[in-house]
Amino acid sequence: MLRQNCGSHPEIRDYGCAPIIFNIDHATNTNENFRTTLWTGRGMQLTLMSIPPDGEIGAEMHSDVEQLISVEKGKAKILMGSSEKELKRIATIGEGYVTVIPRGTWHNIVNDGKRPLKLYSVY
């Protein structure tokens, strides 16, 4: 079964592992929640985020999955490293940029702008 909302704009909720077609730009930019899981399958998850100015996701590490983060609106400071206290690889990215985080890599995303940072993440 293929799920598609009128205008390709899904209700912001977890669709489980059912197929879905939607406009990722619209979904990401209209999401007002800090973290919203939009789709969860057996081997992948899609999460939308809206991080307030000066906000961050907090240092985290996923030992079992890689992660792709795409910035749709705003400016993000990406910090990565081998431990929670050693986030020495730092880059600032903006709209249209992605970062790929290997499994086992500690990372944090900080809103480096004056408006909410809109991004989506695929694990």
PDB file of N, CA and C in Angstrom:
ATOM      1  N   MET A   1       0.848  -1.178   0.000  1.00  0.00           N
ATOM      2  CA  MET A   1       0.000   0.000   0.000  1.00  0.00           C
ATOM      3  C   MET A   1       0.895   1.244   0.000  1.00  0.00           C
ATOM      4  N   LEU A   2       0.565   2.214  -0.807  1.00  0.00           N
ATOM      5  CA  LEU A   2       1.309   3.455  -0.904  1.00  0.00           C
ATOM      6  C   LEU A   2       0.500   4.547  -0.231  1.00  0.00           C
ATOM      7  N   ARG A   3       1.128   5.216   0.723  1.00  0.00           N
ATOM      8  CA  ARG A   3       0.429   6.293   1.420  1.00  0.00           C
ATOM      9  C   ARG A   3       0.920   7.620   0.892  1.00  0.00           C
ATOM     10  N   GLN A   4      -0.021   8.470   0.518  1.00  0.00           N
ATOM     11  CA  GLN A   4       0.331   9.805   0.087  1.00  0.00           C
ATOM     12  C   GLN A   4      -0.800  10.722   0.495  1.00  0.00           C
ATOM     13  N   ASN A   5      -0.444  11.796   1.141  1.00  0.00           N
ATOM     14  CA  ASN A   5      -1.395  12.786   1.580  1.00  0.00           C
ATOM     15  C   ASN A   5      -1.638  13.752   0.431  1.00  0.00           C
ATOM     16  N   CYS A   6      -2.804  14.356   0.367  1.00  0.00           N
ATOM     17  CA  CYS A   6      -3.114  15.340  -0.664  1.00  0.00           C
ATOM     18  C   CYS A   6      -2.043  16.430  -0.670  1.00  0.00           C
ATOM     19  N   GLY A   7      -1.433  16.674  -1.810  1.00  0.00           N
ATOM     20  CA  GLY A   7      -0.384  17.681  -1.888  1.00  0.00           C
ATOM     21  C   GLY A   7       0.966  17.162  -1.414  1.00  0.00           C
ATOM     22  N   SER A   8       1.063  15.876  -1.139  1.00  0.00           N
ATOM     23  CA  SER A   8       2.312  15.243  -0.699  1.00  0.00           C
ATOM     24  C   SER A   8       2.834  15.798   0.619  1.00  0.00           C
ATOM     25  N   HIS A   9       1.966  16.260   1.488  1.00  0.00           N
ATOM     26  CA  HIS A   9       2.366  16.781   2.791  1.00  0.00           C
ATOM     27  C   HIS A   9       1.759  15.889   3.871  1.00  0.00           C
ATOM     28  N   PRO A  10       2.570  14.989   4.446  1.00  0.00           N
ATOM     29  CA  PRO A  10       2.020  14.046   5.414  1.00  0.00           C
ATOM     30  C   PRO A  10       1.725  14.706   6.747  1.00  0.00           C
ATOM     31  N   GLU A  11       0.794  14.106   7.443  1.00  0.00           N
ATOM     32  CA  GLU A  11       0.606  14.465   8.846  1.00  0.00           C
ATOM     33  C   GLU A  11       1.911  14.096   9.542  1.00  0.00           C
ATOM     34  N   ILE A  12       2.368  14.946  10.466  1.00  0.00           N
ATOM     35  CA  ILE A  12       3.646  14.684  11.144  1.00  0.00           C
ATOM     36  C   ILE A  12       3.402  13.661  12.251  1.00  0.00           C
ATOM     37  N   ARG A  13       3.738  12.402  11.951  1.00  0.00           N
ATOM     38  CA  ARG A  13       3.610  11.288  12.878  1.00  0.00           C
ATOM     39  C   ARG A  13       4.462  10.151  12.360  1.00  0.00           C
ATOM     40  N   ASP A  14       4.666   9.110  13.139  1.00  0.00           N
ATOM     41  CA  ASP A  14       5.451   7.965  12.713  1.00  0.00           C
ATOM     42  C   ASP A  14       4.572   7.060  11.849  1.00  0.00           C
ATOM     43  N   TYR A  15       4.966   6.848  10.615  1.00  0.00           N
ATOM     44  CA  TYR A  15       4.217   6.008   9.688  1.00  0.00           C
ATOM     45  C   TYR A  15       4.638   4.543   9.769  1.00  0.00           C
ATOM     46  N   GLY A  16       5.462   4.210  10.764  1.00  0.00           N
ATOM     47  CA  GLY A  16       5.898   2.827  10.899  1.00  0.00           C
ATOM     48  C   GLY A  16       6.702   2.425   9.686  1.00  0.00           C
ATOM     49  N   CYS A  17       6.495   1.223   9.195  1.00  0.00           N
ATOM     50  CA  CYS A  17       7.258   0.792   8.023  1.00  0.00           C
ATOM     51  C   CYS A  17       6.399   0.745   6.769  1.00  0.00           C
ATOM     52  N   ALA A  18       5.258   1.453   6.770  1.00  0.00           N
ATOM     53  CA  ALA A  18       4.414   1.532   5.575  1.00  0.00           C
ATOM     54  C   ALA A  18       5.061   2.466   4.560  1.00  0.00           C
ATOM     55  N   PRO A  19       4.984   2.150   3.279  1.00  0.00           N
ATOM     56  CA  PRO A  19       5.537   3.050   2.262  1.00  0.00           C
ATOM     57  C   PRO A  19       4.866   4.422   2.322  1.00  0.00           C
ATOM     58  N   ILE A  20       5.653   5.449   2.042  1.00  0.00           N
ATOM     59  CA  ILE A  20       5.121   6.815   2.068  1.00  0.00           C
ATOM     60  C   ILE A  20       5.897   7.656   1.050  1.00  0.00           C
ATOM     61  N   ILE A  21       5.191   8.535   0.385  1.00  0.00           N
ATOM     62  CA  ILE A  21       5.807   9.498  -0.528  1.00  0.00           C
ATOM     63  C   ILE A  21       5.416  10.874  -0.019  1.00  0.00           C
ATOM     64  N   PHE A  22       6.402  11.765   0.107  1.00  0.00           N
ATOM     65  CA  PHE A  22       6.108  13.101   0.615  1.00  0.00           C
ATOM     66  C   PHE A  22       7.219  14.060   0.221  1.00  0.00           C
ATOM     67  N   ASN A  23       6.990  15.337   0.409  1.00  0.00           N
ATOM     68  CA  ASN A  23       7.968  16.381   0.134  1.00  0.00           C
ATOM     69  C   ASN A  23       8.794  16.595   1.400  1.00  0.00           C
ATOM     70  N   ILE A  24      10.052  16.134   1.403  1.00  0.00           N
ATOM     71  CA  ILE A  24      10.899  16.218   2.599  1.00  0.00           C
ATOM     72  C   ILE A  24      11.180  17.662   2.986  1.00  0.00           C
ATOM     73  N   ASP A  25      11.338  18.557   2.012  1.00  0.00           N
ATOM     74  CA  ASP A  25      11.568  19.975   2.333  1.00  0.00           C
ATOM     75  C   ASP A  25      10.401  20.545   3.113  1.00  0.00           C
ATOM     76  N   HIS A  26       9.188  20.295   2.633  1.00  0.00           N
ATOM     77  CA  HIS A  26       7.996  20.820   3.309  1.00  0.00           C
ATOM     78  C   HIS A  26       7.849  20.221   4.708  1.00  0.00           C
ATOM     79  N   ALA A  27       7.993  18.905   4.805  1.00  0.00           N
ATOM     80  CA  ALA A  27       7.836  18.245   6.112  1.00  0.00           C
ATOM     81  C   ALA A  27       8.848  18.776   7.116  1.00  0.00           C
ATOM     82  N   THR A  28      10.101  18.919   6.693  1.00  0.00           N
ATOM     83  CA  THR A  28      11.159  19.387   7.593  1.00  0.00           C
ATOM     84  C   THR A  28      10.933  20.836   7.994  1.00  0.00           C
ATOM     85  N   ASN A  29      10.607  21.685   7.036  1.00  0.00           N
ATOM     86  CA  ASN A  29      10.469  23.118   7.311  1.00  0.00           C
ATOM     87  C   ASN A  29       9.208  23.475   8.082  1.00  0.00           C
ATOM     88  N   THR A  30       8.180  22.636   8.032  1.00  0.00           N
ATOM     89  CA  THR A  30       6.960  22.926   8.787  1.00  0.00           C
ATOM     90  C   THR A  30       6.935  22.240  10.150  1.00  0.00           C
ATOM     91  N   ASN A  31       7.874  21.334  10.395  1.00  0.00           N
ATOM     92  CA  ASN A  31       7.945  20.674  11.700  1.00  0.00           C
ATOM     93  C   ASN A  31       8.346  21.681  12.776  1.00  0.00           C
ATOM     94  N   GLU A  32       7.583  21.765  13.836  1.00  0.00           N
ATOM     95  CA  GLU A  32       7.879  22.676  14.947  1.00  0.00           C
ATOM     96  C   GLU A  32       8.391  21.927  16.176  1.00  0.00           C
ATOM     97  N   ASN A  33       8.401  20.601  16.129  1.00  0.00           N
ATOM     98  CA  ASN A  33       8.823  19.797  17.270  1.00  0.00           C
ATOM     99  C   ASN A  33      10.340  19.651  17.308  1.00  0.00           C
ATOM    100  N   PHE A  34      10.895  19.605  18.503  1.00  0.00           N
ATOM    101  CA  PHE A  34      12.332  19.393  18.641  1.00  0.00           C
ATOM    102  C   PHE A  34      12.753  18.131  17.907  1.00  0.00           C
ATOM    103  N   ARG A  35      12.042  17.038  18.129  1.00  0.00           N
ATOM    104  CA  ARG A  35      12.344  15.770  17.460  1.00  0.00           C
ATOM    105  C   ARG A  35      11.043  15.042  17.182  1.00  0.00           C
ATOM    106  N   THR A  36      10.838  14.684  15.914  1.00  0.00           N
ATOM    107  CA  THR A  36       9.657  13.939  15.502  1.00  0.00           C
ATOM    108  C   THR A  36      10.089  12.802  14.593  1.00  0.00           C
ATOM    109  N   THR A  37       9.773  11.589  14.971  1.00  0.00           N
ATOM    110  CA  THR A  37      10.058  10.447  14.117  1.00  0.00           C
ATOM    111  C   THR A  37       8.950  10.358  13.085  1.00  0.00           C
ATOM    112  N   LEU A  38       9.327  10.391  11.797  1.00  0.00           N
ATOM    113  CA  LEU A  38       8.344  10.352  10.717  1.00  0.00           C
ATOM    114  C   LEU A  38       8.186   8.947  10.145  1.00  0.00           C
ATOM    115  N   TRP A  39       9.261   8.148  10.200  1.00  0.00           N
ATOM    116  CA  TRP A  39       9.192   6.810   9.625  1.00  0.00           C
ATOM    117  C   TRP A  39      10.178   5.899  10.330  1.00  0.00           C
ATOM    118  N   THR A  40       9.724   4.707  10.697  1.00  0.00           N
ATOM    119  CA  THR A  40      10.587   3.715  11.343  1.00  0.00           C
ATOM    120  C   THR A  40      10.394   2.377  10.667  1.00  0.00           C
ATOM    121  N   GLY A  41      11.481   1.829  10.144  1.00  0.00           N
ATOM    122  CA  GLY A  41      11.455   0.507   9.541  1.00  0.00           C
ATOM    123  C   GLY A  41      12.311  -0.452  10.346  1.00  0.00           C
ATOM    124  N   ARG A  42      12.615  -1.598   9.764  1.00  0.00           N
ATOM    125  CA  ARG A  42      13.449  -2.581  10.456  1.00  0.00           C
ATOM    126  C   ARG A  42      14.913  -2.171  10.487  1.00  0.00           C
ATOM    127  N   GLY A  43      15.367  -1.417   9.479  1.00  0.00           N
ATOM    128  CA  GLY A  43      16.774  -1.063   9.422  1.00  0.00           C
ATOM    129  C   GLY A  43      17.046   0.414   9.210  1.00  0.00           C
ATOM    130  N   MET A  44      16.014   1.268   9.307  1.00  0.00           N
ATOM    131  CA  MET A  44      16.200   2.692   9.057  1.00  0.00           C
ATOM    132  C   MET A  44      15.128   3.492   9.798  1.00  0.00           C
ATOM    133  N   GLN A  45      15.496   4.714  10.149  1.00  0.00           N
ATOM    134  CA  GLN A  45      14.538   5.630  10.773  1.00  0.00           C
ATOM    135  C   GLN A  45      14.767   7.028  10.205  1.00  0.00           C
ATOM    136  N   LEU A  46      13.688   7.758   9.972  1.00  0.00           N
ATOM    137  CA  LEU A  46      13.732   9.137   9.496  1.00  0.00           C
ATOM    138  C   LEU A  46      13.143  10.033  10.579  1.00  0.00           C
ATOM    139  N   THR A  47      13.945  11.013  11.015  1.00  0.00           N
ATOM    140  CA  THR A  47      13.546  11.911  12.083  1.00  0.00           C
ATOM    141  C   THR A  47      13.654  13.356  11.619  1.00  0.00           C
ATOM    142  N   LEU A  48      12.650  14.162  11.930  1.00  0.00           N
ATOM    143  CA  LEU A  48      12.670  15.598  11.663  1.00  0.00           C
ATOM    144  C   LEU A  48      13.024  16.316  12.950  1.00  0.00           C
ATOM    145  N   MET A  49      13.779  17.426  12.840  1.00  0.00           N
ATOM    146  CA  MET A  49      14.140  18.190  14.036  1.00  0.00           C
ATOM    147  C   MET A  49      14.007  19.679  13.777  1.00  0.00           C
ATOM    148  N   SER A  50      13.603  20.397  14.813  1.00  0.00           N
ATOM    149  CA  SER A  50      13.590  21.853  14.827  1.00  0.00           C
ATOM    150  C   SER A  50      14.299  22.271  16.114  1.00  0.00           C
ATOM    151  N   ILE A  51      15.528  22.762  15.963  1.00  0.00           N
ATOM    152  CA  ILE A  51      16.351  23.104  17.120  1.00  0.00           C
ATOM    153  C   ILE A  51      16.342  24.620  17.302  1.00  0.00           C
ATOM    154  N   PRO A  52      15.949  25.117  18.468  1.00  0.00           N
ATOM    155  CA  PRO A  52      15.866  26.563  18.679  1.00  0.00           C
ATOM    156  C   PRO A  52      17.245  27.232  18.656  1.00  0.00           C
ATOM    157  N   PRO A  53      17.293  28.557  18.441  1.00  0.00           N
ATOM    158  CA  PRO A  53      18.574  29.268  18.491  1.00  0.00           C
ATOM    159  C   PRO A  53      19.316  28.946  19.791  1.00  0.00           C
ATOM    160  N   ASP A  54      20.611  28.729  19.679  1.00  0.00           N
ATOM    161  CA  ASP A  54      21.485  28.347  20.794  1.00  0.00           C
ATOM    162  C   ASP A  54      21.181  26.968  21.360  1.00  0.00           C
ATOM    163  N   GLY A  55      20.250  26.239  20.751  1.00  0.00           N
ATOM    164  CA  GLY A  55      19.929  24.886  21.201  1.00  0.00           C
ATOM    165  C   GLY A  55      20.852  23.862  20.562  1.00  0.00           C
ATOM    166  N   GLU A  56      20.792  22.640  21.057  1.00  0.00           N
ATOM    167  CA  GLU A  56      21.619  21.557  20.545  1.00  0.00           C
ATOM    168  C   GLU A  56      20.923  20.234  20.779  1.00  0.00           C
ATOM    169  N   ILE A  57      21.389  19.187  20.076  1.00  0.00           N
ATOM    170  CA  ILE A  57      20.811  17.869  20.314  1.00  0.00           C
ATOM    171  C   ILE A  57      21.443  17.205  21.521  1.00  0.00           C
ATOM    172  N   GLY A  58      22.645  17.647  21.876  1.00  0.00           N
ATOM    173  CA  GLY A  58      23.377  17.015  22.974  1.00  0.00           C
ATOM    174  C   GLY A  58      24.288  15.940  22.424  1.00  0.00           C
ATOM    175  N   ALA A  59      25.433  15.756  23.049  1.00  0.00           N
ATOM    176  CA  ALA A  59      26.396  14.760  22.585  1.00  0.00           C
ATOM    177  C   ALA A  59      25.776  13.371  22.647  1.00  0.00           C
ATOM    178  N   GLU A  60      25.925  12.631  21.557  1.00  0.00           N
ATOM    179  CA  GLU A  60      25.388  11.278  21.486  1.00  0.00           C
ATOM    180  C   GLU A  60      26.248  10.439  20.557  1.00  0.00           C
ATOM    181  N   MET A  61      26.060   9.115  20.651  1.00  0.00           N
ATOM    182  CA  MET A  61      26.786   8.173  19.819  1.00  0.00           C
ATOM    183  C   MET A  61      25.875   6.990  19.554  1.00  0.00           C
ATOM    184  N   HIS A  62      25.868   6.531  18.311  1.00  0.00           N
ATOM    185  CA  HIS A  62      25.085   5.354  17.938  1.00  0.00           C
ATOM    186  C   HIS A  62      26.067   4.249  17.571  1.00  0.00           C
ATOM    187  N   SER A  63      26.112   3.202  18.371  1.00  0.00           N
ATOM    188  CA  SER A  63      27.101   2.138  18.172  1.00  0.00           C
ATOM    189  C   SER A  63      26.715   1.171  17.061  1.00  0.00           C
ATOM    190  N   ASP A  64      25.441   1.200  16.644  1.00  0.00           N
ATOM    191  CA  ASP A  64      24.981   0.184  15.705  1.00  0.00           C
ATOM    192  C   ASP A  64      24.512   0.713  14.353  1.00  0.00           C
ATOM    193  N   VAL A  65      24.503   2.034  14.143  1.00  0.00           N
ATOM    194  CA  VAL A  65      24.022   2.580  12.869  1.00  0.00           C
ATOM    195  C   VAL A  65      24.829   3.808  12.444  1.00  0.00           C
ATOM    196  N   GLU A  66      24.887   4.011  11.133  1.00  0.00           N
ATOM    197  CA  GLU A  66      25.394   5.257  10.599  1.00  0.00           C
ATOM    198  C   GLU A  66      24.253   6.259  10.604  1.00  0.00           C
ATOM    199  N   GLN A  67      24.583   7.536  10.411  1.00  0.00           N
ATOM    200  CA  GLN A  67      23.563   8.579  10.430  1.00  0.00           C
ATOM    201  C   GLN A  67      23.897   9.621   9.368  1.00  0.00           C
ATOM    202  N   LEU A  68      22.870  10.065   8.650  1.00  0.00           N
ATOM    203  CA  LEU A  68      23.000  11.162   7.708  1.00  0.00           C
ATOM    204  C   LEU A  68      22.131  12.299   8.213  1.00  0.00           C
ATOM    205  N   ILE A  69      22.691  13.499   8.293  1.00  0.00           N
ATOM    206  CA  ILE A  69      21.949  14.670   8.740  1.00  0.00           C
ATOM    207  C   ILE A  69      21.968  15.694   7.625  1.00  0.00           C
ATOM    208  N   SER A  70      20.789  16.173   7.238  1.00  0.00           N
ATOM    209  CA  SER A  70      20.651  17.162   6.176  1.00  0.00           C
ATOM    210  C   SER A  70      20.042  18.439   6.735  1.00  0.00           C
ATOM    211  N   VAL A  71      20.723  19.558   6.544  1.00  0.00           N
ATOM    212  CA  VAL A  71      20.216  20.852   6.998  1.00  0.00           C
ATOM    213  C   VAL A  71      19.334  21.444   5.899  1.00  0.00           C
ATOM    214  N   GLU A  72      18.091  21.711   6.223  1.00  0.00           N
ATOM    215  CA  GLU A  72      17.149  22.285   5.270  1.00  0.00           C
ATOM    216  C   GLU A  72      17.009  23.798   5.440  1.00  0.00           C
ATOM    217  N   LYS A  73      17.144  24.273   6.673  1.00  0.00           N
ATOM    218  CA  LYS A  73      17.030  25.706   6.929  1.00  0.00           C
ATOM    219  C   LYS A  73      17.863  26.058   8.146  1.00  0.00           C
ATOM    220  N   GLY A  74      18.685  27.108   8.016  1.00  0.00           N
ATOM    221  CA  GLY A  74      19.478  27.565   9.143  1.00  0.00           C
ATOM    222  C   GLY A  74      20.943  27.212   9.001  1.00  0.00           C
ATOM    223  N   LYS A  75      21.653  27.353  10.110  1.00  0.00           N
ATOM    224  CA  LYS A  75      23.096  27.111  10.153  1.00  0.00           C
ATOM    225  C   LYS A  75      23.394  26.226  11.354  1.00  0.00           C
ATOM    226  N   ALA A  76      24.170  25.165  11.123  1.00  0.00           N
ATOM    227  CA  ALA A  76      24.470  24.199  12.178  1.00  0.00           C
ATOM    228  C   ALA A  76      25.963  24.072  12.393  1.00  0.00           C
ATOM    229  N   LYS A  77      26.357  23.966  13.641  1.00  0.00           N
ATOM    230  CA  LYS A  77      27.732  23.610  13.980  1.00  0.00           C
ATOM    231  C   LYS A  77      27.719  22.119  14.283  1.00  0.00           C
ATOM    232  N   ILE A  78      28.538  21.368  13.547  1.00  0.00           N
ATOM    233  CA  ILE A  78      28.644  19.926  13.715  1.00  0.00           C
ATOM    234  C   ILE A  78      29.936  19.643  14.476  1.00  0.00           C
ATOM    235  N   LEU A  79      29.829  18.912  15.571  1.00  0.00           N
ATOM    236  CA  LEU A  79      31.003  18.514  16.352  1.00  0.00           C
ATOM    237  C   LEU A  79      31.058  16.994  16.373  1.00  0.00           C
ATOM    238  N   MET A  80      32.225  16.423  16.073  1.00  0.00           N
ATOM    239  CA  MET A  80      32.378  14.971  16.069  1.00  0.00           C
ATOM    240  C   MET A  80      33.714  14.589  16.698  1.00  0.00           C
ATOM    241  N   GLY A  81      33.760  13.384  17.237  1.00  0.00           N
ATOM    242  CA  GLY A  81      35.006  12.900  17.819  1.00  0.00           C
ATOM    243  C   GLY A  81      34.891  11.483  18.328  1.00  0.00           C
ATOM    244  N   SER A  82      35.975  11.044  18.954  1.00  0.00           N
ATOM    245  CA  SER A  82      36.062   9.662  19.418  1.00  0.00           C
ATOM    246  C   SER A  82      35.440   9.425  20.788  1.00  0.00           C
ATOM    247  N   SER A  83      35.155  10.515  21.522  1.00  0.00           N
ATOM    248  CA  SER A  83      34.500  10.372  22.822  1.00  0.00           C
ATOM    249  C   SER A  83      33.650  11.610  23.091  1.00  0.00           C
ATOM    250  N   GLU A  84      32.794  11.499  24.092  1.00  0.00           N
ATOM    251  CA  GLU A  84      31.892  12.600  24.445  1.00  0.00           C
ATOM    252  C   GLU A  84      32.656  13.870  24.789  1.00  0.00           C
ATOM    253  N   LYS A  85      33.834  13.726  25.370  1.00  0.00           N
ATOM    254  CA  LYS A  85      34.645  14.872  25.798  1.00  0.00           C
ATOM    255  C   LYS A  85      35.649  15.321  24.739  1.00  0.00           C
ATOM    256  N   GLU A  86      35.750  14.580  23.626  1.00  0.00           N
ATOM    257  CA  GLU A  86      36.755  14.869  22.598  1.00  0.00           C
ATOM    258  C   GLU A  86      36.099  15.164  21.247  1.00  0.00           C
ATOM    259  N   LEU A  87      35.174  16.111  21.207  1.00  0.00           N
ATOM    260  CA  LEU A  87      34.495  16.476  19.958  1.00  0.00           C
ATOM    261  C   LEU A  87      35.316  17.553  19.259  1.00  0.00           C
ATOM    262  N   LYS A  88      36.440  17.142  18.658  1.00  0.00           N
ATOM    263  CA  LYS A  88      37.406  18.090  18.111  1.00  0.00           C
ATOM    264  C   LYS A  88      37.229  18.370  16.625  1.00  0.00           C
ATOM    265  N   ARG A  89      36.494  17.526  15.923  1.00  0.00           N
ATOM    266  CA  ARG A  89      36.245  17.795  14.504  1.00  0.00           C
ATOM    267  C   ARG A  89      35.007  18.674  14.424  1.00  0.00           C
ATOM    268  N   ILE A  90      35.192  19.918  13.994  1.00  0.00           N
ATOM    269  CA  ILE A  90      34.111  20.903  14.016  1.00  0.00           C
ATOM    270  C   ILE A  90      33.958  21.516  12.629  1.00  0.00           C
ATOM    271  N   ALA A  91      32.722  21.642  12.181  1.00  0.00           N
ATOM    272  CA  ALA A  91      32.431  22.304  10.914  1.00  0.00           C
ATOM    273  C   ALA A  91      31.104  23.034  11.057  1.00  0.00           C
ATOM    274  N   THR A  92      30.953  24.120  10.316  1.00  0.00           N
ATOM    275  CA  THR A  92      29.683  24.834  10.255  1.00  0.00           C
ATOM    276  C   THR A  92      29.103  24.603   8.868  1.00  0.00           C
ATOM    277  N   ILE A  93      27.855  24.155   8.835  1.00  0.00           N
ATOM    278  CA  ILE A  93      27.196  23.895   7.559  1.00  0.00           C
ATOM    279  C   ILE A  93      25.866  24.639   7.513  1.00  0.00           C
ATOM    280  N   GLY A  94      25.367  24.847   6.304  1.00  0.00           N
ATOM    281  CA  GLY A  94      24.099  25.542   6.115  1.00  0.00           C
ATOM    282  C   GLY A  94      23.164  24.745   5.229  1.00  0.00           C
ATOM    283  N   GLU A  95      22.168  25.440   4.734  1.00  0.00           N
ATOM    284  CA  GLU A  95      21.122  24.822   3.923  1.00  0.00           C
ATOM    285  C   GLU A  95      21.702  24.069   2.727  1.00  0.00           C
ATOM    286  N   GLY A  96      21.194  22.868   2.526  1.00  0.00           N
ATOM    287  CA  GLY A  96      21.627  22.058   1.406  1.00  0.00           C
ATOM    288  C   GLY A  96      22.827  21.175   1.696  1.00  0.00           C
ATOM    289  N   TYR A  97      23.401  21.296   2.879  1.00  0.00           N
ATOM    290  CA  TYR A  97      24.561  20.478   3.243  1.00  0.00           C
ATOM    291  C   TYR A  97      24.129  19.277   4.065  1.00  0.00           C
ATOM    292  N   VAL A  98      24.912  18.201   3.946  1.00  0.00           N
ATOM    293  CA  VAL A  98      24.697  17.013   4.767  1.00  0.00           C
ATOM    294  C   VAL A  98      25.997  16.657   5.462  1.00  0.00           C
ATOM    295  N   THR A  99      25.855  15.933   6.547  1.00  0.00           N
ATOM    296  CA  THR A  99      27.000  15.317   7.197  1.00  0.00           C
ATOM    297  C   THR A  99      26.667  13.850   7.400  1.00  0.00           C
ATOM    298  N   VAL A 100      27.655  13.006   7.204  1.00  0.00           N
ATOM    299  CA  VAL A 100      27.494  11.572   7.411  1.00  0.00           C
ATOM    300  C   VAL A 100      28.334  11.195   8.624  1.00  0.00           C
ATOM    301  N   ILE A 101      27.690  10.560   9.581  1.00  0.00           N
ATOM    302  CA  ILE A 101      28.343  10.221  10.843  1.00  0.00           C
ATOM    303  C   ILE A 101      28.479   8.700  10.933  1.00  0.00           C
ATOM    304  N   PRO A 102      29.708   8.193  10.928  1.00  0.00           N
ATOM    305  CA  PRO A 102      29.912   6.745  11.032  1.00  0.00           C
ATOM    306  C   PRO A 102      29.456   6.210  12.394  1.00  0.00           C
ATOM    307  N   ARG A 103      29.065   4.952  12.421  1.00  0.00           N
ATOM    308  CA  ARG A 103      28.679   4.327  13.694  1.00  0.00           C
ATOM    309  C   ARG A 103      29.847   4.433  14.670  1.00  0.00           C
ATOM    310  N   GLY A 104      29.519   4.617  15.933  1.00  0.00           N
ATOM    311  CA  GLY A 104      30.532   4.705  16.969  1.00  0.00           C
ATOM    312  C   GLY A 104      31.176   6.072  17.112  1.00  0.00           C
ATOM    313  N   THR A 105      30.754   7.057  16.312  1.00  0.00           N
ATOM    314  CA  THR A 105      31.316   8.406  16.381  1.00  0.00           C
ATOM    315  C   THR A 105      30.451   9.292  17.271  1.00  0.00           C
ATOM    316  N   TRP A 106      31.058   9.891  18.273  1.00  0.00           N
ATOM    317  CA  TRP A 106      30.341  10.842  19.120  1.00  0.00           C
ATOM    318  C   TRP A 106      30.093  12.116  18.310  1.00  0.00           C
ATOM    319  N   HIS A 107      28.936  12.726  18.505  1.00  0.00           N
ATOM    320  CA  HIS A 107      28.599  13.924  17.750  1.00  0.00           C
ATOM    321  C   HIS A 107      27.593  14.790  18.502  1.00  0.00           C
ATOM    322  N   ASN A 108      27.548  16.046  18.106  1.00  0.00           N
ATOM    323  CA  ASN A 108      26.564  16.989  18.616  1.00  0.00           C
ATOM    324  C   ASN A 108      26.263  17.958  17.484  1.00  0.00           C
ATOM    325  N   ILE A 109      25.024  18.429  17.427  1.00  0.00           N
ATOM    326  CA  ILE A 109      24.593  19.422  16.445  1.00  0.00           C
ATOM    327  C   ILE A 109      24.096  20.622  17.237  1.00  0.00           C
ATOM    328  N   VAL A 110      24.652  21.797  16.947  1.00  0.00           N
ATOM    329  CA  VAL A 110      24.306  23.032  17.653  1.00  0.00           C
ATOM    330  C   VAL A 110      23.721  24.011  16.643  1.00  0.00           C
ATOM    331  N   ASN A 111      22.602  24.645  17.003  1.00  0.00           N
ATOM    332  CA  ASN A 111      22.048  25.701  16.151  1.00  0.00           C
ATOM    333  C   ASN A 111      22.973  26.906  16.264  1.00  0.00           C
ATOM    334  N   ASP A 112      23.595  27.280  15.156  1.00  0.00           N
ATOM    335  CA  ASP A 112      24.552  28.381  15.132  1.00  0.00           C
ATOM    336  C   ASP A 112      23.941  29.631  14.493  1.00  0.00           C
ATOM    337  N   GLY A 113      22.607  29.704  14.487  1.00  0.00           N
ATOM    338  CA  GLY A 113      21.917  30.835  13.864  1.00  0.00           C
ATOM    339  C   GLY A 113      20.922  31.491  14.799  1.00  0.00           C
ATOM    340  N   LYS A 114      20.180  32.434  14.258  1.00  0.00           N
ATOM    341  CA  LYS A 114      19.214  33.204  15.048  1.00  0.00           C
ATOM    342  C   LYS A 114      17.770  32.720  14.886  1.00  0.00           C
ATOM    343  N   ARG A 115      17.552  31.758  13.987  1.00  0.00           N
ATOM    344  CA  ARG A 115      16.225  31.174  13.765  1.00  0.00           C
ATOM    345  C   ARG A 115      16.287  29.674  14.036  1.00  0.00           C
ATOM    346  N   PRO A 116      15.135  29.015  14.166  1.00  0.00           N
ATOM    347  CA  PRO A 116      15.168  27.568  14.373  1.00  0.00           C
ATOM    348  C   PRO A 116      15.943  26.851  13.256  1.00  0.00           C
ATOM    349  N   LEU A 117      16.735  25.886  13.635  1.00  0.00           N
ATOM    350  CA  LEU A 117      17.478  25.042  12.706  1.00  0.00           C
ATOM    351  C   LEU A 117      16.558  23.891  12.307  1.00  0.00           C
ATOM    352  N   LYS A 118      16.321  23.744  11.031  1.00  0.00           N
ATOM    353  CA  LYS A 118      15.441  22.675  10.516  1.00  0.00           C
ATOM    354  C   LYS A 118      16.313  21.641   9.817  1.00  0.00           C
ATOM    355  N   LEU A 119      16.223  20.397  10.275  1.00  0.00           N
ATOM    356  CA  LEU A 119      17.010  19.333   9.667  1.00  0.00           C
ATOM    357  C   LEU A 119      16.255  18.023   9.713  1.00  0.00           C
ATOM    358  N   TYR A 120      16.711  17.094   8.886  1.00  0.00           N
ATOM    359  CA  TYR A 120      16.227  15.739   9.031  1.00  0.00           C
ATOM    360  C   TYR A 120      17.406  14.807   9.133  1.00  0.00           C
ATOM    361  N   SER A 121      17.159  13.673   9.775  1.00  0.00           N
ATOM    362  CA  SER A 121      18.207  12.708  10.053  1.00  0.00           C
ATOM    363  C   SER A 121      17.724  11.323   9.637  1.00  0.00           C
ATOM    364  N   VAL A 122      18.600  10.591   8.951  1.00  0.00           N
ATOM    365  CA  VAL A 122      18.322   9.223   8.568  1.00  0.00           C
ATOM    366  C   VAL A 122      19.350   8.342   9.275  1.00  0.00           C
ATOM    367  N   TYR A 123      18.858   7.376  10.063  1.00  0.00           N
ATOM    368  CA  TYR A 123      19.718   6.443  10.787  1.00  0.00           C
ATOM    369  C   TYR A 123      19.693   5.112  10.055  1.00  0.00           C
TER     370      TYR A 123
END
